[in-house]
Amino acid sequence: MEEIIFRNASFEDLPKIVEIYNSTIPSRMVTADTENVSIKSKIQWFNEHNPENRPLWIIEDNQKNVLGWVSFSSFYGRPAYKGTVEISIYMDESSRGKGLGKKVLKYCIDNAKNFEIKILLGFIFLHNEPSLKLFRHLGFEDWGTFPDVAVLDGVERTLKILGKRID
C-alpha cells in the first residue's frame, strides 16, 4: 500500500473537505446531515480547528491527490474537557474500503499526545459496522449508547460513542 501524507488543511481545502463530507450523506451511515452542506456553513467549523491543538488534516498520496480528511474537534466546549476530542475521519469515495481508515486512525492515536489529548471519542451509528469494527480493532471501547436518537429517512438510528484513553 502506498504511503499516505498528512498535512494541515488550509482554507483553500474547504471546498474539497465539504465535497468529501457531502459524498457520505446519501449512505445514511456516517452523518446525521440529510442534505448537502454548503462551504459557507462549514466556515465556523473550519475556524474552530488549528494546528496547535485541534488539527484538521488533509490526507494525500505521493502525487498530492486528496484521499480524505480527519479532524480533532473539541468535546462539549468546556475548559475541563480540553484533553478530550471527537475524531472524524472522512475518506474520498475512491479511497474507501482500501484499509486507509486503519492507517489514519492509528496516526491519530499515535499523534494525540502532541496535542495534549488524553481521550479520543468516536461518534458512530450502530448500523455503521465497518467504522465500529475499525475503532474497536484499534482499542476503542463502547462508552455510551444513545438509542434511536436520529431519524434517517424515517428510520430511527442508534448512536454509539466509542472512547480510547491515550496514556
C-alpha atoms as a PDB file:
ATOM      1  CA  MET A   1       0.000   0.000   0.000  1.00  0.00           C
ATOM      2  CA  GLU A   2       1.385   3.379  -0.894  1.00  0.00           C
ATOM      3  CA  GLU A   3       2.411   5.985   1.615  1.00  0.00           C
ATOM      4  CA  ILE A   4      -0.115   8.499   2.841  1.00  0.00           C
ATOM      5  CA  ILE A   5       0.781  12.012   3.900  1.00  0.00           C
ATOM      6  CA  PHE A   6      -0.947  14.200   6.485  1.00  0.00           C
ATOM      7  CA  ARG A   7      -0.803  17.967   6.183  1.00  0.00           C
ATOM      8  CA  ASN A   8      -2.627  20.783   7.925  1.00  0.00           C
ATOM      9  CA  ALA A   9      -5.685  21.879   5.986  1.00  0.00           C
ATOM     10  CA  SER A  10      -5.784  25.369   4.558  1.00  0.00           C
ATOM     11  CA  PHE A  11      -8.880  27.410   3.807  1.00  0.00           C
ATOM     12  CA  GLU A  12      -8.371  26.547   0.123  1.00  0.00           C
ATOM     13  CA  ASP A  13      -9.034  22.894   1.064  1.00  0.00           C
ATOM     14  CA  LEU A  14     -12.511  23.659   2.411  1.00  0.00           C
ATOM     15  CA  PRO A  15     -14.349  23.005  -0.897  1.00  0.00           C
ATOM     16  CA  LYS A  16     -12.771  19.523  -1.147  1.00  0.00           C
ATOM     17  CA  ILE A  17     -13.462  18.839   2.545  1.00  0.00           C
ATOM     18  CA  VAL A  18     -17.130  19.722   2.006  1.00  0.00           C
ATOM     19  CA  GLU A  19     -17.284  17.680  -1.217  1.00  0.00           C
ATOM     20  CA  ILE A  20     -15.982  14.583   0.578  1.00  0.00           C
ATOM     21  CA  TYR A  21     -18.331  15.159   3.523  1.00  0.00           C
ATOM     22  CA  ASN A  22     -21.342  15.607   1.240  1.00  0.00           C
ATOM     23  CA  SER A  23     -20.458  12.404  -0.618  1.00  0.00           C
ATOM     24  CA  THR A  24     -21.147  10.435   2.586  1.00  0.00           C
ATOM     25  CA  ILE A  25     -24.634  11.834   3.203  1.00  0.00           C
ATOM     26  CA  PRO A  26     -26.620   9.572   0.816  1.00  0.00           C
ATOM     27  CA  SER A  27     -25.358   6.383   2.516  1.00  0.00           C
ATOM     28  CA  ARG A  28     -27.064   7.396   5.791  1.00  0.00           C
ATOM     29  CA  MET A  29     -24.172   5.612   7.560  1.00  0.00           C
ATOM     30  CA  VAL A  30     -21.791   8.368   8.599  1.00  0.00           C
ATOM     31  CA  THR A  31     -23.518  11.639   9.370  1.00  0.00           C
ATOM     32  CA  ALA A  32     -26.862  12.852  10.662  1.00  0.00           C
ATOM     33  CA  ASP A  33     -26.974  15.507   7.952  1.00  0.00           C
ATOM     34  CA  THR A  34     -29.639  14.545   5.427  1.00  0.00           C
ATOM     35  CA  GLU A  35     -28.917  17.175   2.769  1.00  0.00           C
ATOM     36  CA  ASN A  36     -25.672  18.565   1.386  1.00  0.00           C
ATOM     37  CA  VAL A  37     -23.983  21.262   3.443  1.00  0.00           C
ATOM     38  CA  SER A  38     -22.528  24.416   1.921  1.00  0.00           C
ATOM     39  CA  ILE A  39     -18.970  25.636   2.093  1.00  0.00           C
ATOM     40  CA  LYS A  40     -20.249  28.765   3.830  1.00  0.00           C
ATOM     41  CA  SER A  41     -21.974  26.685   6.512  1.00  0.00           C
ATOM     42  CA  LYS A  42     -18.659  24.979   7.388  1.00  0.00           C
ATOM     43  CA  ILE A  43     -16.502  28.110   7.768  1.00  0.00           C
ATOM     44  CA  GLN A  44     -17.031  28.421  11.530  1.00  0.00           C
ATOM     45  CA  TRP A  45     -16.322  24.690  11.966  1.00  0.00           C
ATOM     46  CA  PHE A  46     -13.149  25.066   9.895  1.00  0.00           C
ATOM     47  CA  ASN A  47     -12.039  28.034  12.001  1.00  0.00           C
ATOM     48  CA  GLU A  48     -12.504  26.025  15.219  1.00  0.00           C
ATOM     49  CA  HIS A  49      -9.532  23.893  14.124  1.00  0.00           C
ATOM     50  CA  ASN A  50      -5.877  24.850  14.369  1.00  0.00           C
ATOM     51  CA  PRO A  51      -2.505  23.111  14.067  1.00  0.00           C
ATOM     52  CA  GLU A  52      -1.674  23.757  17.739  1.00  0.00           C
ATOM     53  CA  ASN A  53      -4.387  21.713  19.483  1.00  0.00           C
ATOM     54  CA  ARG A  54      -7.344  20.934  17.181  1.00  0.00           C
ATOM     55  CA  PRO A  55      -5.834  19.741  13.922  1.00  0.00           C
ATOM     56  CA  LEU A  56      -7.700  19.306  10.681  1.00  0.00           C
ATOM     57  CA  TRP A  57      -5.538  17.234   8.384  1.00  0.00           C
ATOM     58  CA  ILE A  58      -5.792  16.590   4.684  1.00  0.00           C
ATOM     59  CA  ILE A  59      -4.754  13.057   3.754  1.00  0.00           C
ATOM     60  CA  GLU A  60      -2.876  12.797   0.457  1.00  0.00           C
ATOM     61  CA  ASP A  61      -0.984  10.255  -1.585  1.00  0.00           C
ATOM     62  CA  ASN A  62       2.516  10.808  -3.007  1.00  0.00           C
ATOM     63  CA  GLN A  63       1.047  12.613  -6.028  1.00  0.00           C
ATOM     64  CA  LYS A  64      -0.807  15.090  -3.756  1.00  0.00           C
ATOM     65  CA  ASN A  65      -4.194  13.574  -4.593  1.00  0.00           C
ATOM     66  CA  VAL A  66      -6.592  14.193  -1.710  1.00  0.00           C
ATOM     67  CA  LEU A  67      -7.671  10.858  -0.233  1.00  0.00           C
ATOM     68  CA  GLY A  68      -9.687  12.291   2.655  1.00  0.00           C
ATOM     69  CA  TRP A  69      -9.516  14.346   5.808  1.00  0.00           C
ATOM     70  CA  VAL A  70      -9.517  13.877   9.559  1.00  0.00           C
ATOM     71  CA  SER A  71     -10.237  16.286  12.391  1.00  0.00           C
ATOM     72  CA  PHE A  72      -9.975  16.580  16.145  1.00  0.00           C
ATOM     73  CA  SER A  73     -12.943  18.617  17.385  1.00  0.00           C
ATOM     74  CA  SER A  74     -13.455  19.948  20.887  1.00  0.00           C
ATOM     75  CA  PHE A  75     -15.837  17.939  23.028  1.00  0.00           C
ATOM     76  CA  TYR A  76     -18.664  19.810  24.713  1.00  0.00           C
ATOM     77  CA  GLY A  77     -16.938  23.195  24.592  1.00  0.00           C
ATOM     78  CA  ARG A  78     -15.988  23.490  28.263  1.00  0.00           C
ATOM     79  CA  PRO A  79     -12.417  24.041  29.548  1.00  0.00           C
ATOM     80  CA  ALA A  80     -12.399  20.931  31.730  1.00  0.00           C
ATOM     81  CA  TYR A  81     -12.785  18.819  28.574  1.00  0.00           C
ATOM     82  CA  LYS A  82      -9.780  20.315  26.741  1.00  0.00           C
ATOM     83  CA  GLY A  83      -7.992  16.928  26.747  1.00  0.00           C
ATOM     84  CA  THR A  84     -10.945  15.204  25.063  1.00  0.00           C
ATOM     85  CA  VAL A  85     -11.685  15.364  21.347  1.00  0.00           C
ATOM     86  CA  GLU A  86     -14.081  13.862  18.868  1.00  0.00           C
ATOM     87  CA  ILE A  87     -12.259  12.336  15.940  1.00  0.00           C
ATOM     88  CA  SER A  88     -13.886  12.456  12.494  1.00  0.00           C
ATOM     89  CA  ILE A  89     -12.489  10.570   9.512  1.00  0.00           C
ATOM     90  CA  TYR A  90     -13.906  11.120   6.036  1.00  0.00           C
ATOM     91  CA  MET A  91     -12.410   9.393   3.023  1.00  0.00           C
ATOM     92  CA  ASP A  92     -12.956  10.294  -0.621  1.00  0.00           C
ATOM     93  CA  GLU A  93     -15.230   7.828  -2.423  1.00  0.00           C
ATOM     94  CA  SER A  94     -12.269   6.491  -4.436  1.00  0.00           C
ATOM     95  CA  SER A  95     -10.321   5.791  -1.226  1.00  0.00           C
ATOM     96  CA  ARG A  96     -12.926   3.879   0.783  1.00  0.00           C
ATOM     97  CA  GLY A  97     -12.628   0.198   1.544  1.00  0.00           C
ATOM     98  CA  LYS A  98      -8.875   0.072   0.962  1.00  0.00           C
ATOM     99  CA  GLY A  99      -7.662  -0.129   4.555  1.00  0.00           C
ATOM    100  CA  LEU A 100      -6.693   3.533   4.719  1.00  0.00           C
ATOM    101  CA  GLY A 101      -9.006   4.189   7.660  1.00  0.00           C
ATOM    102  CA  LYS A 102      -6.834   1.966   9.850  1.00  0.00           C
ATOM    103  CA  LYS A 103      -3.709   3.938   8.905  1.00  0.00           C
ATOM    104  CA  VAL A 104      -5.490   7.240   9.527  1.00  0.00           C
ATOM    105  CA  LEU A 105      -6.885   6.224  12.913  1.00  0.00           C
ATOM    106  CA  LYS A 106      -3.531   4.797  14.006  1.00  0.00           C
ATOM    107  CA  TYR A 107      -1.836   8.072  13.017  1.00  0.00           C
ATOM    108  CA  CYS A 108      -4.356   9.977  15.122  1.00  0.00           C
ATOM    109  CA  ILE A 109      -3.799   7.722  18.136  1.00  0.00           C
ATOM    110  CA  ASP A 110      -0.015   7.959  17.770  1.00  0.00           C
ATOM    111  CA  ASN A 111      -0.075  11.756  17.489  1.00  0.00           C
ATOM    112  CA  ALA A 112      -2.776  12.642  20.036  1.00  0.00           C
ATOM    113  CA  LYS A 113      -0.231  13.291  22.820  1.00  0.00           C
ATOM    114  CA  ASN A 114       1.376  16.017  20.684  1.00  0.00           C
ATOM    115  CA  PHE A 115      -1.850  17.995  21.134  1.00  0.00           C
ATOM    116  CA  GLU A 116      -2.258  17.297  24.877  1.00  0.00           C
ATOM    117  CA  ILE A 117      -5.148  14.964  24.093  1.00  0.00           C
ATOM    118  CA  LYS A 118      -5.890  12.265  26.619  1.00  0.00           C
ATOM    119  CA  ILE A 119      -9.221  10.964  25.308  1.00  0.00           C
ATOM    120  CA  LEU A 120     -10.311  10.231  21.730  1.00  0.00           C
ATOM    121  CA  LEU A 121     -14.019   9.777  21.069  1.00  0.00           C
ATOM    122  CA  GLY A 122     -15.777   8.404  18.025  1.00  0.00           C
ATOM    123  CA  PHE A 123     -19.485   9.057  17.458  1.00  0.00           C
ATOM    124  CA  ILE A 124     -20.641   6.221  15.215  1.00  0.00           C
ATOM    125  CA  PHE A 125     -24.060   4.985  14.174  1.00  0.00           C
ATOM    126  CA  LEU A 126     -24.782   1.437  15.347  1.00  0.00           C
ATOM    127  CA  HIS A 127     -25.549   0.363  11.764  1.00  0.00           C
ATOM    128  CA  ASN A 128     -22.122   1.597  10.575  1.00  0.00           C
ATOM    129  CA  GLU A 129     -20.485  -1.748  11.234  1.00  0.00           C
ATOM    130  CA  PRO A 130     -17.267  -1.062   9.252  1.00  0.00           C
ATOM    131  CA  SER A 131     -16.464   2.024  11.337  1.00  0.00           C
ATOM    132  CA  LEU A 132     -17.335   0.304  14.616  1.00  0.00           C
ATOM    133  CA  LYS A 133     -15.088  -2.603  13.648  1.00  0.00           C
ATOM    134  CA  LEU A 134     -12.228  -0.244  12.753  1.00  0.00           C
ATOM    135  CA  PHE A 135     -12.362   1.715  16.004  1.00  0.00           C
ATOM    136  CA  ARG A 136     -12.743  -1.407  18.156  1.00  0.00           C
ATOM    137  CA  HIS A 137      -9.819  -3.058  16.320  1.00  0.00           C
ATOM    138  CA  LEU A 138      -7.587  -0.180  17.432  1.00  0.00           C
ATOM    139  CA  GLY A 139      -8.620  -0.385  21.075  1.00  0.00           C
ATOM    140  CA  PHE A 140     -11.652   1.864  21.315  1.00  0.00           C
ATOM    141  CA  GLU A 141     -14.288   0.666  23.754  1.00  0.00           C
ATOM    142  CA  ASP A 142     -18.033   1.262  23.900  1.00  0.00           C
ATOM    143  CA  TRP A 143     -18.592   4.151  26.276  1.00  0.00           C
ATOM    144  CA  GLY A 144     -22.153   5.087  25.512  1.00  0.00           C
ATOM    145  CA  THR A 145     -25.292   4.246  23.604  1.00  0.00           C
ATOM    146  CA  PHE A 146     -27.954   6.721  22.570  1.00  0.00           C
ATOM    147  CA  PRO A 147     -30.844   4.544  21.393  1.00  0.00           C
ATOM    148  CA  ASP A 148     -32.830   5.737  18.382  1.00  0.00           C
ATOM    149  CA  VAL A 149     -31.711   9.379  18.690  1.00  0.00           C
ATOM    150  CA  ALA A 150     -31.511  10.050  14.943  1.00  0.00           C
ATOM    151  CA  VAL A 151     -34.153   9.600  12.271  1.00  0.00           C
ATOM    152  CA  LEU A 152     -32.763   8.973   8.803  1.00  0.00           C
ATOM    153  CA  ASP A 153     -35.332   8.522   6.038  1.00  0.00           C
ATOM    154  CA  GLY A 154     -37.958   7.591   8.607  1.00  0.00           C
ATOM    155  CA  VAL A 155     -35.728   5.006  10.333  1.00  0.00           C
ATOM    156  CA  GLU A 156     -34.659   5.574  13.927  1.00  0.00           C
ATOM    157  CA  ARG A 157     -30.922   5.077  14.361  1.00  0.00           C
ATOM    158  CA  THR A 158     -28.811   4.457  17.451  1.00  0.00           C
ATOM    159  CA  LEU A 159     -25.588   6.365  18.093  1.00  0.00           C
ATOM    160  CA  LYS A 160     -22.632   4.691  19.807  1.00  0.00           C
ATOM    161  CA  ILE A 161     -19.852   6.609  21.492  1.00  0.00           C
ATOM    162  CA  LEU A 162     -16.536   4.795  21.442  1.00  0.00           C
ATOM    163  CA  GLY A 163     -13.646   6.042  23.530  1.00  0.00           C
ATOM    164  CA  LYS A 164      -9.948   5.429  23.945  1.00  0.00           C
ATOM    165  CA  ARG A 165      -7.666   6.806  26.637  1.00  0.00           C
ATOM    166  CA  ILE A 166      -4.247   7.871  25.390  1.00  0.00           C
ATOM    167  CA  ASP A 167      -1.593   7.116  28.015  1.00  0.00           C
END
